[in-house]
Amino acid sequence: MSMSGGHKKAGLLAVLLAVWGGIGMWLWSTTEEPPRMPLTNVSGRHSAQQGRNDHGSGLHVQLDLLTSSRDQRNLSFVMPRNIFSLPGMAEAAGPSSDAVPDTAQQQQVILTELAQFHYLGFVRKEGGDREKARDLAVLTKNDDVYVAGKGEILENHVIVKLITPDSVMLQDRNSHLEYAVPLSEESASEP
């Protein structure tokens, strides 16, 4: 009896496939191809009368827009107010002329400190069932060795932003300065 039921199911499947195939062929043969239209650029407003007027007169330059944009560029830059500073601080009057070199000097000090890291390579840590593979960078600074993953913090102020086989991107936590440490050519055993 199971053999007879199997034949019935196979026959019913064949009939359904034939019906669906017939309907598909009928739809394919009776539908018309959509009419082909040439493509036109319709971005923005364009009236027929404006198009006729522009052809004879050439280009039309709006000088008032040019002068207004030049005036906006020439306005002096005003330092935005620091909403996080405490009231009555010295910066309320604006930054002093000495602040710019100090900032550049601080950035240089931070970049010099980040440049002390040496990238020796990376290790790919395979995860378990639910964990993904994770890259860990092997870094040295002076006599210290660090093994850190993306997003980990070194020395309380350096964040590992990106790990690639060729380099590691480090970011200072306070100033948000980034520094790419290339793969070091020296081996880990050399002093």
C-alpha atoms as a PDB file:
ATOM      1  CA  MET A   1       0.000   0.000   0.000  1.00  0.00           C
ATOM      2  CA  SER A   2       2.878   2.381   0.673  1.00  0.00           C
ATOM      3  CA  MET A   3       4.079   1.772  -2.869  1.00  0.00           C
ATOM      4  CA  SER A   4       0.683   2.758  -4.227  1.00  0.00           C
ATOM      5  CA  GLY A   5       0.655   5.912  -2.048  1.00  0.00           C
ATOM      6  CA  GLY A   6       4.120   6.798  -3.322  1.00  0.00           C
ATOM      7  CA  HIS A   7       2.959   6.468  -6.923  1.00  0.00           C
ATOM      8  CA  LYS A   8      -0.039   8.695  -6.198  1.00  0.00           C
ATOM      9  CA  LYS A   9       2.177  11.370  -4.677  1.00  0.00           C
ATOM     10  CA  ALA A  10       4.605  11.212  -7.597  1.00  0.00           C
ATOM     11  CA  GLY A  11       1.741  11.409 -10.087  1.00  0.00           C
ATOM     12  CA  LEU A  12       0.189  14.375  -8.248  1.00  0.00           C
ATOM     13  CA  LEU A  13       3.565  16.118  -8.196  1.00  0.00           C
ATOM     14  CA  ALA A  14       3.983  15.551 -11.940  1.00  0.00           C
ATOM     15  CA  VAL A  15       0.487  16.939 -12.647  1.00  0.00           C
ATOM     16  CA  LEU A  16       1.127  20.041 -10.482  1.00  0.00           C
ATOM     17  CA  LEU A  17       4.489  20.667 -12.174  1.00  0.00           C
ATOM     18  CA  ALA A  18       2.845  20.318 -15.603  1.00  0.00           C
ATOM     19  CA  VAL A  19       0.084  22.770 -14.628  1.00  0.00           C
ATOM     20  CA  TRP A  20       2.568  25.316 -13.224  1.00  0.00           C
ATOM     21  CA  GLY A  21       4.786  24.880 -16.290  1.00  0.00           C
ATOM     22  CA  GLY A  22       1.799  25.404 -18.596  1.00  0.00           C
ATOM     23  CA  ILE A  23       0.733  28.559 -16.736  1.00  0.00           C
ATOM     24  CA  GLY A  24       4.317  29.888 -16.851  1.00  0.00           C
ATOM     25  CA  MET A  25       4.596  29.238 -20.610  1.00  0.00           C
ATOM     26  CA  TRP A  26       1.219  30.873 -21.222  1.00  0.00           C
ATOM     27  CA  LEU A  27       2.200  33.995 -19.216  1.00  0.00           C
ATOM     28  CA  TRP A  28       5.568  34.210 -20.960  1.00  0.00           C
ATOM     29  CA  SER A  29       4.043  33.935 -24.424  1.00  0.00           C
ATOM     30  CA  THR A  30       1.169  36.395 -23.839  1.00  0.00           C
ATOM     31  CA  THR A  31       2.983  39.233 -22.072  1.00  0.00           C
ATOM     32  CA  GLU A  32       4.244  41.977 -24.316  1.00  0.00           C
ATOM     33  CA  GLU A  33       7.680  43.490 -24.077  1.00  0.00           C
ATOM     34  CA  PRO A  34       7.547  46.953 -22.512  1.00  0.00           C
ATOM     35  CA  PRO A  35       7.886  49.787 -25.006  1.00  0.00           C
ATOM     36  CA  ARG A  36      11.408  51.176 -25.275  1.00  0.00           C
ATOM     37  CA  MET A  37      11.730  54.891 -24.615  1.00  0.00           C
ATOM     38  CA  PRO A  38      14.832  57.027 -25.029  1.00  0.00           C
ATOM     39  CA  LEU A  39      16.380  58.145 -21.769  1.00  0.00           C
ATOM     40  CA  THR A  40      16.226  61.830 -20.914  1.00  0.00           C
ATOM     41  CA  ASN A  41      17.832  63.784 -18.100  1.00  0.00           C
ATOM     42  CA  VAL A  42      15.034  65.120 -15.909  1.00  0.00           C
ATOM     43  CA  SER A  43      16.947  66.344 -12.857  1.00  0.00           C
ATOM     44  CA  GLY A  44      15.747  69.755 -11.761  1.00  0.00           C
ATOM     45  CA  ARG A  45      13.076  71.907 -13.322  1.00  0.00           C
ATOM     46  CA  HIS A  46      13.359  72.687 -17.003  1.00  0.00           C
ATOM     47  CA  SER A  47      10.639  74.442 -18.936  1.00  0.00           C
ATOM     48  CA  ALA A  48      10.418  74.461 -22.716  1.00  0.00           C
ATOM     49  CA  GLN A  49      10.423  78.281 -22.861  1.00  0.00           C
ATOM     50  CA  GLN A  50      13.498  78.584 -20.635  1.00  0.00           C
ATOM     51  CA  GLY A  51      15.348  76.124 -22.856  1.00  0.00           C
ATOM     52  CA  ARG A  52      14.553  78.198 -25.971  1.00  0.00           C
ATOM     53  CA  ASN A  53      15.726  81.428 -24.340  1.00  0.00           C
ATOM     54  CA  ASP A  54      19.014  79.978 -23.079  1.00  0.00           C
ATOM     55  CA  HIS A  55      20.143  78.636 -26.449  1.00  0.00           C
ATOM     56  CA  GLY A  56      20.522  82.043 -28.045  1.00  0.00           C
ATOM     57  CA  SER A  57      22.059  83.981 -25.154  1.00  0.00           C
ATOM     58  CA  GLY A  58      24.779  81.553 -24.037  1.00  0.00           C
ATOM     59  CA  LEU A  59      25.635  81.109 -20.357  1.00  0.00           C
ATOM     60  CA  HIS A  60      24.002  83.143 -17.637  1.00  0.00           C
ATOM     61  CA  VAL A  61      26.208  83.836 -14.596  1.00  0.00           C
ATOM     62  CA  GLN A  62      24.545  84.887 -11.349  1.00  0.00           C
ATOM     63  CA  LEU A  63      27.095  87.356  -9.981  1.00  0.00           C
ATOM     64  CA  ASP A  64      25.176  87.991  -6.755  1.00  0.00           C
ATOM     65  CA  LEU A  65      25.617  84.331  -5.738  1.00  0.00           C
ATOM     66  CA  LEU A  66      29.346  84.503  -6.470  1.00  0.00           C
ATOM     67  CA  THR A  67      29.850  87.626  -4.379  1.00  0.00           C
ATOM     68  CA  SER A  68      27.811  86.253  -1.474  1.00  0.00           C
ATOM     69  CA  SER A  69      29.868  83.049  -1.379  1.00  0.00           C
ATOM     70  CA  ARG A  70      33.104  85.085  -1.516  1.00  0.00           C
ATOM     71  CA  ASP A  71      31.887  87.240   1.379  1.00  0.00           C
ATOM     72  CA  GLN A  72      31.090  84.136   3.424  1.00  0.00           C
ATOM     73  CA  ARG A  73      34.597  82.767   2.830  1.00  0.00           C
ATOM     74  CA  ASN A  74      36.204  86.060   3.839  1.00  0.00           C
ATOM     75  CA  LEU A  75      34.419  86.268   7.197  1.00  0.00           C
ATOM     76  CA  SER A  76      36.857  85.758  10.018  1.00  0.00           C
ATOM     77  CA  PHE A  77      36.675  82.502  11.911  1.00  0.00           C
ATOM     78  CA  VAL A  78      35.322  82.838  15.427  1.00  0.00           C
ATOM     79  CA  MET A  79      36.459  80.221  17.911  1.00  0.00           C
ATOM     80  CA  PRO A  80      33.393  78.367  19.243  1.00  0.00           C
ATOM     81  CA  ARG A  81      32.674  78.630  22.939  1.00  0.00           C
ATOM     82  CA  ASN A  82      33.656  75.636  25.047  1.00  0.00           C
ATOM     83  CA  ILE A  83      30.440  74.617  26.789  1.00  0.00           C
ATOM     84  CA  PHE A  84      32.305  72.137  28.988  1.00  0.00           C
ATOM     85  CA  SER A  85      34.697  74.646  30.563  1.00  0.00           C
ATOM     86  CA  LEU A  86      34.126  75.901  34.068  1.00  0.00           C
ATOM     87  CA  PRO A  87      32.779  79.455  34.358  1.00  0.00           C
ATOM     88  CA  GLY A  88      35.415  82.150  34.868  1.00  0.00           C
ATOM     89  CA  MET A  89      38.259  80.229  33.247  1.00  0.00           C
ATOM     90  CA  ALA A  90      40.957  82.104  31.337  1.00  0.00           C
ATOM     91  CA  GLU A  91      39.906  80.597  28.001  1.00  0.00           C
ATOM     92  CA  ALA A  92      36.625  82.518  28.057  1.00  0.00           C
ATOM     93  CA  ALA A  93      38.334  85.434  26.322  1.00  0.00           C
ATOM     94  CA  GLY A  94      39.620  83.122  23.588  1.00  0.00           C
ATOM     95  CA  PRO A  95      42.814  81.206  23.020  1.00  0.00           C
ATOM     96  CA  SER A  96      46.078  83.065  23.412  1.00  0.00           C
ATOM     97  CA  SER A  97      48.663  83.253  20.670  1.00  0.00           C
ATOM     98  CA  ASP A  98      50.841  80.838  22.666  1.00  0.00           C
ATOM     99  CA  ALA A  99      48.110  78.150  22.611  1.00  0.00           C
ATOM    100  CA  VAL A 100      48.707  77.175  18.989  1.00  0.00           C
ATOM    101  CA  PRO A 101      52.410  76.276  19.382  1.00  0.00           C
ATOM    102  CA  ASP A 102      51.634  74.470  22.664  1.00  0.00           C
ATOM    103  CA  THR A 103      49.018  72.336  20.913  1.00  0.00           C
ATOM    104  CA  ALA A 104      51.405  71.504  18.082  1.00  0.00           C
ATOM    105  CA  GLN A 105      54.139  70.744  20.599  1.00  0.00           C
ATOM    106  CA  GLN A 106      51.793  68.486  22.601  1.00  0.00           C
ATOM    107  CA  GLN A 107      50.800  66.647  19.414  1.00  0.00           C
ATOM    108  CA  GLN A 108      54.461  66.150  18.549  1.00  0.00           C
ATOM    109  CA  VAL A 109      55.176  64.753  22.033  1.00  0.00           C
ATOM    110  CA  ILE A 110      52.228  62.349  21.748  1.00  0.00           C
ATOM    111  CA  LEU A 111      53.267  61.175  18.278  1.00  0.00           C
ATOM    112  CA  THR A 112      56.830  60.665  19.498  1.00  0.00           C
ATOM    113  CA  GLU A 113      55.529  58.534  22.351  1.00  0.00           C
ATOM    114  CA  LEU A 114      53.344  56.474  20.000  1.00  0.00           C
ATOM    115  CA  ALA A 115      56.326  56.017  17.658  1.00  0.00           C
ATOM    116  CA  GLN A 116      58.172  54.186  20.460  1.00  0.00           C
ATOM    117  CA  PHE A 117      55.929  51.146  19.879  1.00  0.00           C
ATOM    118  CA  HIS A 118      57.292  48.434  17.581  1.00  0.00           C
ATOM    119  CA  TYR A 119      54.918  46.046  15.808  1.00  0.00           C
ATOM    120  CA  LEU A 120      56.359  42.533  15.750  1.00  0.00           C
ATOM    121  CA  GLY A 121      53.383  40.740  14.184  1.00  0.00           C
ATOM    122  CA  PHE A 122      49.932  39.456  14.902  1.00  0.00           C
ATOM    123  CA  VAL A 123      48.335  36.270  16.163  1.00  0.00           C
ATOM    124  CA  ARG A 124      44.945  35.063  14.966  1.00  0.00           C
ATOM    125  CA  LYS A 125      43.061  33.548  17.884  1.00  0.00           C
ATOM    126  CA  GLU A 126      40.393  31.154  16.658  1.00  0.00           C
ATOM    127  CA  GLY A 127      37.198  31.287  18.704  1.00  0.00           C
ATOM    128  CA  GLY A 128      34.931  28.536  19.881  1.00  0.00           C
ATOM    129  CA  ASP A 129      31.469  27.810  18.546  1.00  0.00           C
ATOM    130  CA  ARG A 130      30.041  31.285  19.150  1.00  0.00           C
ATOM    131  CA  GLU A 131      33.199  33.387  19.024  1.00  0.00           C
ATOM    132  CA  LYS A 132      34.727  34.756  15.842  1.00  0.00           C
ATOM    133  CA  ALA A 133      38.415  34.661  15.006  1.00  0.00           C
ATOM    134  CA  ARG A 134      40.224  37.566  16.682  1.00  0.00           C
ATOM    135  CA  ASP A 135      43.507  39.195  15.678  1.00  0.00           C
ATOM    136  CA  LEU A 136      45.953  40.092  18.435  1.00  0.00           C
ATOM    137  CA  ALA A 137      48.879  42.451  17.826  1.00  0.00           C
ATOM    138  CA  VAL A 138      52.283  41.774  19.393  1.00  0.00           C
ATOM    139  CA  LEU A 139      53.835  45.141  20.279  1.00  0.00           C
ATOM    140  CA  THR A 140      56.913  46.187  22.204  1.00  0.00           C
ATOM    141  CA  LYS A 141      57.850  49.463  23.835  1.00  0.00           C
ATOM    142  CA  ASN A 142      61.274  49.623  25.448  1.00  0.00           C
ATOM    143  CA  ASP A 143      61.465  46.318  27.389  1.00  0.00           C
ATOM    144  CA  ASP A 144      57.691  45.776  27.683  1.00  0.00           C
ATOM    145  CA  VAL A 145      55.818  43.323  25.441  1.00  0.00           C
ATOM    146  CA  TYR A 146      52.099  43.785  24.795  1.00  0.00           C
ATOM    147  CA  VAL A 147      49.635  41.360  23.207  1.00  0.00           C
ATOM    148  CA  ALA A 148      46.452  43.303  22.547  1.00  0.00           C
ATOM    149  CA  GLY A 149      43.350  43.072  20.419  1.00  0.00           C
ATOM    150  CA  LYS A 150      41.350  45.746  18.639  1.00  0.00           C
ATOM    151  CA  GLY A 151      39.815  48.199  21.127  1.00  0.00           C
ATOM    152  CA  GLU A 152      42.130  47.301  24.001  1.00  0.00           C
ATOM    153  CA  ILE A 153      43.950  50.008  25.940  1.00  0.00           C
ATOM    154  CA  LEU A 154      47.714  50.026  26.512  1.00  0.00           C
ATOM    155  CA  GLU A 155      49.392  52.086  29.227  1.00  0.00           C
ATOM    156  CA  ASN A 156      46.057  53.697  30.226  1.00  0.00           C
ATOM    157  CA  HIS A 157      45.990  56.068  27.225  1.00  0.00           C
ATOM    158  CA  VAL A 158      46.772  54.210  23.965  1.00  0.00           C
ATOM    159  CA  ILE A 159      43.934  52.446  22.134  1.00  0.00           C
ATOM    160  CA  VAL A 160      44.535  49.750  19.499  1.00  0.00           C
ATOM    161  CA  LYS A 161      42.253  50.928  16.668  1.00  0.00           C
ATOM    162  CA  LEU A 162      43.090  48.574  13.777  1.00  0.00           C
ATOM    163  CA  ILE A 163      45.244  45.488  13.272  1.00  0.00           C
ATOM    164  CA  THR A 164      46.436  44.414   9.819  1.00  0.00           C
ATOM    165  CA  PRO A 165      49.288  42.092   8.834  1.00  0.00           C
ATOM    166  CA  ASP A 166      51.348  45.136   7.751  1.00  0.00           C
ATOM    167  CA  SER A 167      50.623  47.692  10.483  1.00  0.00           C
ATOM    168  CA  VAL A 168      48.760  48.585  13.667  1.00  0.00           C
ATOM    169  CA  MET A 169      46.812  51.835  14.105  1.00  0.00           C
ATOM    170  CA  LEU A 170      47.223  53.262  17.604  1.00  0.00           C
ATOM    171  CA  GLN A 171      45.227  56.208  18.955  1.00  0.00           C
ATOM    172  CA  ASP A 172      45.978  58.431  21.923  1.00  0.00           C
ATOM    173  CA  ARG A 173      42.930  58.307  24.180  1.00  0.00           C
ATOM    174  CA  ASN A 174      43.062  61.970  25.236  1.00  0.00           C
ATOM    175  CA  SER A 175      43.997  63.807  22.032  1.00  0.00           C
ATOM    176  CA  HIS A 176      42.518  61.261  19.553  1.00  0.00           C
ATOM    177  CA  LEU A 177      45.720  61.439  17.498  1.00  0.00           C
ATOM    178  CA  GLU A 178      46.287  58.307  15.436  1.00  0.00           C
ATOM    179  CA  TYR A 179      49.630  56.776  14.504  1.00  0.00           C
ATOM    180  CA  ALA A 180      50.270  53.825  12.182  1.00  0.00           C
ATOM    181  CA  VAL A 181      53.011  51.531  13.471  1.00  0.00           C
ATOM    182  CA  PRO A 182      54.467  49.543  10.545  1.00  0.00           C
ATOM    183  CA  LEU A 183      55.588  45.949  10.870  1.00  0.00           C
ATOM    184  CA  SER A 184      59.069  45.976  12.389  1.00  0.00           C
ATOM    185  CA  GLU A 185      61.874  44.328  10.441  1.00  0.00           C
ATOM    186  CA  GLU A 186      63.821  43.330  13.565  1.00  0.00           C
ATOM    187  CA  SER A 187      63.070  40.024  15.234  1.00  0.00           C
ATOM    188  CA  ALA A 188      61.797  39.770  18.788  1.00  0.00           C
ATOM    189  CA  SER A 189      65.016  38.127  20.003  1.00  0.00           C
ATOM    190  CA  GLU A 190      67.247  41.101  19.116  1.00  0.00           C
ATOM    191  CA  PRO A 191      67.873  43.609  21.947  1.00  0.00           C
END
